[in-house]
Amino acid sequence: MARSSKPVNPGSASALDRMKYEIAGELGIADRVRSQGWATMTSADCGRVGGQMVRRMIEQYESGLSGTTTQATSGTLTAQYDANKQP
């Protein structure tokens, strides 16, 4: 069976985009992404961004399990605007 490209939670797409641009800024490639777009980025740059995104999502999940926040994720825009956050 083919995998669907639709996100499981449609509201998470904007949060993931914010995280992607935030990490690109931290890696120093945000200006290039904004001016040229993601299609022109090298696979190495995209891999760095994707790897950091996965690392942050794992940290956020683990801190949610333990009920604590970590220094790296507590101040990020993604943590503040998490689409999955329950009121």
N, C-alpha and C. Protein backbone atom coordinates (compact mmCIF):
# COMPACT_ATOMS: atom_id res chain seq x y z
N MET A 1 0.84 -1.18 0.00
CA MET A 1 0.00 0.00 0.00
C MET A 1 0.89 1.24 0.00
N ALA A 2 0.54 2.22 -0.82
CA ALA A 2 1.33 3.44 -0.93
C ALA A 2 1.12 4.34 0.28
N ARG A 3 2.17 5.06 0.64
CA ARG A 3 2.07 5.99 1.76
C ARG A 3 1.41 7.27 1.29
N SER A 4 0.62 7.84 2.13
CA SER A 4 -0.05 9.10 1.83
C SER A 4 0.87 10.25 2.15
N SER A 5 0.82 11.31 1.34
CA SER A 5 1.64 12.48 1.62
C SER A 5 0.91 13.48 2.51
N LYS A 6 -0.35 13.16 2.84
CA LYS A 6 -1.10 14.04 3.73
C LYS A 6 -0.63 13.85 5.16
N PRO A 7 -0.45 14.95 5.90
CA PRO A 7 -0.04 14.80 7.30
C PRO A 7 -1.16 14.18 8.14
N VAL A 8 -0.75 13.46 9.16
CA VAL A 8 -1.72 12.86 10.08
C VAL A 8 -2.53 13.95 10.77
N ASN A 9 -1.85 15.01 11.17
CA ASN A 9 -2.50 16.15 11.79
C ASN A 9 -2.30 17.36 10.88
N PRO A 10 -3.31 17.77 10.12
CA PRO A 10 -3.13 18.88 9.17
C PRO A 10 -2.69 20.18 9.82
N GLY A 11 -3.01 20.40 11.07
CA GLY A 11 -2.61 21.61 11.77
C GLY A 11 -1.12 21.65 12.07
N SER A 12 -0.45 20.52 11.97
CA SER A 12 0.97 20.48 12.29
C SER A 12 1.85 21.01 11.15
N ALA A 13 1.32 21.12 9.95
CA ALA A 13 2.12 21.55 8.81
C ALA A 13 2.73 22.94 9.03
N SER A 14 1.96 23.88 9.53
CA SER A 14 2.50 25.22 9.75
C SER A 14 3.53 25.23 10.88
N ALA A 15 3.32 24.43 11.91
CA ALA A 15 4.29 24.35 13.00
C ALA A 15 5.60 23.75 12.51
N LEU A 16 5.51 22.75 11.64
CA LEU A 16 6.72 22.14 11.10
C LEU A 16 7.46 23.11 10.17
N ASP A 17 6.71 23.90 9.41
CA ASP A 17 7.35 24.91 8.56
C ASP A 17 8.07 25.95 9.40
N ARG A 18 7.44 26.39 10.49
CA ARG A 18 8.10 27.36 11.38
C ARG A 18 9.37 26.77 11.96
N MET A 19 9.31 25.51 12.36
CA MET A 19 10.48 24.85 12.91
C MET A 19 11.58 24.76 11.85
N LYS A 20 11.20 24.44 10.62
CA LYS A 20 12.16 24.31 9.54
C LYS A 20 12.91 25.63 9.31
N TYR A 21 12.18 26.73 9.25
CA TYR A 21 12.82 28.03 9.03
C TYR A 21 13.63 28.47 10.25
N GLU A 22 13.16 28.14 11.43
CA GLU A 22 13.89 28.48 12.65
C GLU A 22 15.24 27.77 12.67
N ILE A 23 15.24 26.49 12.35
CA ILE A 23 16.48 25.73 12.33
C ILE A 23 17.39 26.20 11.20
N ALA A 24 16.81 26.52 10.05
CA ALA A 24 17.62 27.06 8.94
C ALA A 24 18.31 28.34 9.38
N GLY A 25 17.63 29.16 10.16
CA GLY A 25 18.24 30.38 10.68
C GLY A 25 19.38 30.09 11.63
N GLU A 26 19.21 29.10 12.48
CA GLU A 26 20.25 28.71 13.42
C GLU A 26 21.48 28.16 12.69
N LEU A 27 21.25 27.52 11.55
CA LEU A 27 22.35 26.95 10.77
C LEU A 27 22.97 27.96 9.81
N GLY A 28 22.37 29.16 9.74
CA GLY A 28 22.91 30.21 8.90
C GLY A 28 22.54 30.14 7.44
N ILE A 29 21.48 29.41 7.10
CA ILE A 29 21.09 29.30 5.69
C ILE A 29 19.71 29.88 5.41
N ALA A 30 19.12 30.54 6.39
CA ALA A 30 17.75 31.05 6.24
C ALA A 30 17.65 32.10 5.14
N ASP A 31 18.63 32.99 5.03
CA ASP A 31 18.57 34.02 4.00
C ASP A 31 18.59 33.40 2.61
N ARG A 32 19.43 32.39 2.44
CA ARG A 32 19.50 31.72 1.14
C ARG A 32 18.20 30.98 0.83
N VAL A 33 17.60 30.37 1.85
CA VAL A 33 16.33 29.66 1.65
C VAL A 33 15.24 30.65 1.26
N ARG A 34 15.19 31.80 1.94
CA ARG A 34 14.15 32.79 1.63
C ARG A 34 14.33 33.38 0.24
N SER A 35 15.57 33.61 -0.18
CA SER A 35 15.78 34.24 -1.49
C SER A 35 15.72 33.24 -2.64
N GLN A 36 16.18 32.00 -2.42
CA GLN A 36 16.25 31.03 -3.51
C GLN A 36 15.26 29.88 -3.40
N GLY A 37 14.75 29.63 -2.21
CA GLY A 37 13.79 28.54 -2.01
C GLY A 37 14.48 27.24 -1.63
N TRP A 38 13.68 26.31 -1.12
CA TRP A 38 14.21 25.02 -0.67
C TRP A 38 14.70 24.17 -1.83
N ALA A 39 14.13 24.33 -3.01
CA ALA A 39 14.50 23.50 -4.16
C ALA A 39 15.96 23.69 -4.58
N THR A 40 16.54 24.83 -4.25
CA THR A 40 17.92 25.10 -4.65
C THR A 40 18.93 24.72 -3.57
N MET A 41 18.46 24.29 -2.42
CA MET A 41 19.37 23.92 -1.33
C MET A 41 20.02 22.57 -1.64
N THR A 42 21.23 22.38 -1.14
CA THR A 42 21.90 21.09 -1.33
C THR A 42 21.23 20.04 -0.45
N SER A 43 21.43 18.79 -0.83
CA SER A 43 20.86 17.72 -0.01
C SER A 43 21.50 17.70 1.38
N ALA A 44 22.75 18.12 1.46
CA ALA A 44 23.43 18.17 2.77
C ALA A 44 22.77 19.20 3.67
N ASP A 45 22.45 20.38 3.13
CA ASP A 45 21.78 21.41 3.93
C ASP A 45 20.40 20.95 4.36
N CYS A 46 19.65 20.36 3.43
CA CYS A 46 18.31 19.86 3.78
C CYS A 46 18.40 18.76 4.82
N GLY A 47 19.41 17.91 4.70
CA GLY A 47 19.61 16.84 5.67
C GLY A 47 19.94 17.38 7.05
N ARG A 48 20.73 18.45 7.11
CA ARG A 48 21.05 19.06 8.41
C ARG A 48 19.79 19.62 9.06
N VAL A 49 18.97 20.29 8.26
CA VAL A 49 17.73 20.86 8.79
C VAL A 49 16.81 19.74 9.26
N GLY A 50 16.63 18.72 8.42
CA GLY A 50 15.76 17.60 8.77
C GLY A 50 16.25 16.86 10.00
N GLY A 51 17.56 16.67 10.10
CA GLY A 51 18.12 15.98 11.26
C GLY A 51 17.89 16.74 12.55
N GLN A 52 18.04 18.07 12.49
CA GLN A 52 17.78 18.89 13.68
C GLN A 52 16.29 18.89 14.03
N MET A 53 15.43 18.85 13.01
CA MET A 53 13.99 18.80 13.28
C MET A 53 13.64 17.52 14.03
N VAL A 54 14.18 16.41 13.55
CA VAL A 54 13.91 15.12 14.22
C VAL A 54 14.45 15.15 15.64
N ARG A 55 15.65 15.67 15.82
CA ARG A 55 16.24 15.75 17.17
C ARG A 55 15.35 16.55 18.10
N ARG A 56 14.84 17.69 17.63
CA ARG A 56 13.96 18.53 18.48
C ARG A 56 12.65 17.84 18.77
N MET A 57 12.07 17.17 17.76
CA MET A 57 10.78 16.49 18.00
C MET A 57 10.95 15.38 19.02
N ILE A 58 12.07 14.66 18.95
CA ILE A 58 12.33 13.61 19.94
C ILE A 58 12.50 14.22 21.32
N GLU A 59 13.25 15.32 21.42
CA GLU A 59 13.42 15.99 22.72
C GLU A 59 12.09 16.45 23.28
N GLN A 60 11.25 17.02 22.42
CA GLN A 60 9.94 17.50 22.88
C GLN A 60 9.08 16.34 23.35
N TYR A 61 9.10 15.25 22.62
CA TYR A 61 8.31 14.09 23.01
C TYR A 61 8.80 13.53 24.34
N GLU A 62 10.12 13.36 24.46
CA GLU A 62 10.67 12.80 25.69
C GLU A 62 10.43 13.72 26.89
N SER A 63 10.52 15.03 26.68
CA SER A 63 10.27 15.94 27.79
C SER A 63 8.79 15.92 28.17
N GLY A 64 7.92 15.68 27.21
CA GLY A 64 6.49 15.55 27.49
C GLY A 64 6.20 14.30 28.31
N LEU A 65 6.94 13.24 28.03
CA LEU A 65 6.76 12.00 28.79
C LEU A 65 7.20 12.16 30.23
N SER A 66 8.30 12.88 30.42
CA SER A 66 8.83 13.02 31.77
C SER A 66 8.24 14.21 32.51
N GLY A 67 7.54 15.08 31.78
CA GLY A 67 6.93 16.24 32.42
C GLY A 67 7.89 17.38 32.65
N THR A 68 9.05 17.32 32.02
CA THR A 68 10.04 18.40 32.16
C THR A 68 10.27 19.04 30.80
N THR A 69 10.89 20.20 30.82
CA THR A 69 11.26 20.85 29.57
C THR A 69 12.77 20.91 29.51
N THR A 70 13.29 20.86 28.29
CA THR A 70 14.73 20.95 28.12
C THR A 70 15.09 22.34 27.66
N GLN A 71 16.31 22.73 27.89
CA GLN A 71 16.79 24.06 27.52
C GLN A 71 16.65 24.29 26.02
N ALA A 72 16.94 23.28 25.20
CA ALA A 72 16.97 23.45 23.75
C ALA A 72 15.59 23.68 23.17
N THR A 73 14.55 23.11 23.75
CA THR A 73 13.23 23.21 23.12
C THR A 73 12.28 24.18 23.80
N SER A 74 12.54 24.56 25.03
CA SER A 74 11.56 25.36 25.76
C SER A 74 11.39 26.76 25.19
N GLY A 75 12.41 27.31 24.53
CA GLY A 75 12.32 28.67 24.03
C GLY A 75 12.10 28.77 22.54
N THR A 76 11.88 27.66 21.86
CA THR A 76 11.73 27.72 20.41
C THR A 76 10.33 28.17 20.03
N LEU A 77 10.23 28.73 18.85
CA LEU A 77 8.92 29.12 18.34
C LEU A 77 8.02 27.91 18.19
N THR A 78 8.59 26.79 17.80
CA THR A 78 7.79 25.60 17.60
C THR A 78 7.15 25.15 18.91
N ALA A 79 7.91 25.21 19.99
CA ALA A 79 7.36 24.81 21.28
C ALA A 79 6.25 25.75 21.70
N GLN A 80 6.37 27.03 21.36
CA GLN A 80 5.36 28.01 21.74
C GLN A 80 4.09 27.88 20.92
N TYR A 81 4.21 27.46 19.67
CA TYR A 81 3.07 27.38 18.76
C TYR A 81 2.76 25.97 18.34
N ASP A 82 3.01 25.02 19.22
CA ASP A 82 2.80 23.62 18.90
C ASP A 82 1.33 23.37 18.58
N ALA A 83 1.06 22.86 17.38
CA ALA A 83 -0.31 22.62 16.94
C ALA A 83 -0.96 21.48 17.71
N ASN A 84 -0.16 20.60 18.29
CA ASN A 84 -0.70 19.46 19.01
C ASN A 84 -0.89 19.71 20.50
N LYS A 85 -0.52 20.90 20.96
CA LYS A 85 -0.60 21.21 22.39
C LYS A 85 -2.07 21.23 22.84
N GLN A 86 -2.33 20.53 23.91
CA GLN A 86 -3.68 20.48 24.46
C GLN A 86 -3.86 21.63 25.45
N PRO A 87 -5.02 22.33 25.42
CA PRO A 87 -5.23 23.44 26.35
C PRO A 87 -5.36 22.99 27.79
